[in-house]
Amino acid sequence: MEAKLNLLTRDESGKGVARKLRRAGRVPGVIYGGGGEPVMVSMEARETLQLFQSIPVDNTILNLSLDGEASPEQALVREVQVHPYRTELLHVDFIRVRRGVPIEVHVPVHLMGLPDGVRNEGGILEQVAHDIIVKCVPALIPEGIEVDVTGLGIGDVLRAGDVVMPEGVENLVDPERMICGVSAARLAEELEDEEEGVEAEPALETPTSESDGDQD
């Protein structure tokens, strides 16, 4: 999957510059890696936030248009800093990618189907790992890895080594890492203490003293 983002290059850096950019509705960022020099950039805050909310950020190739140039740079989002309690981007790191050169990316794992142990035995499907790390050329980055879990019974576990990868995509996760499993439902019994024949006594009122306002 690919998307486009417009950036402006900048020469100044520092906390003061970053705050000034944010007040102007822009987000500071940097592009690095891929054999090139780091480039400090800024991007329109609303446009960037809307884009990031509409794509899988970790594994979408971004065509970065710098200062309106016709030939964009391709990159992945390496890190996004967000405000602790506001929906606001603070800083974005991009890492360059080159066509035909394999890269490592996080790809989400989607569980498909209802396990037999859930459907027929009342079990619970628990997903432990929600993404895996893969290696491939940018053109082959999958949007997600779909895993069929319909055959899992109670006590069955699906591990990273069981996941079938698309052609040209290498799974870098430990084959023994657990992806999901089906466990027996936990039965919780609620015990209620009932006291019969006990009448509640009226609460005693605490005497109040009137003050003349002269207390120290």
Foldseek 3Di string as FASTA:
>chain_A
DEEEFEKEFDDDDDPVVLVVQVVVQKAWEWEDEPPDDITIIIGRWVVVLVVPVVAVQFQYWYFYQYPNDPHGFTWGWDDWDADPPDRTTHYTYTYGADAPDKDKTKAFEAEDDDAPQCVPVVWDKDFDDGIFIKIAGSVPGDNHFYDYRHHAHAPDWQFPLNGDDPPRIGTPDDRRHTGMHIHHDDDDDDDDDDDPPDDDDDDDDDDDDDDPPPDD
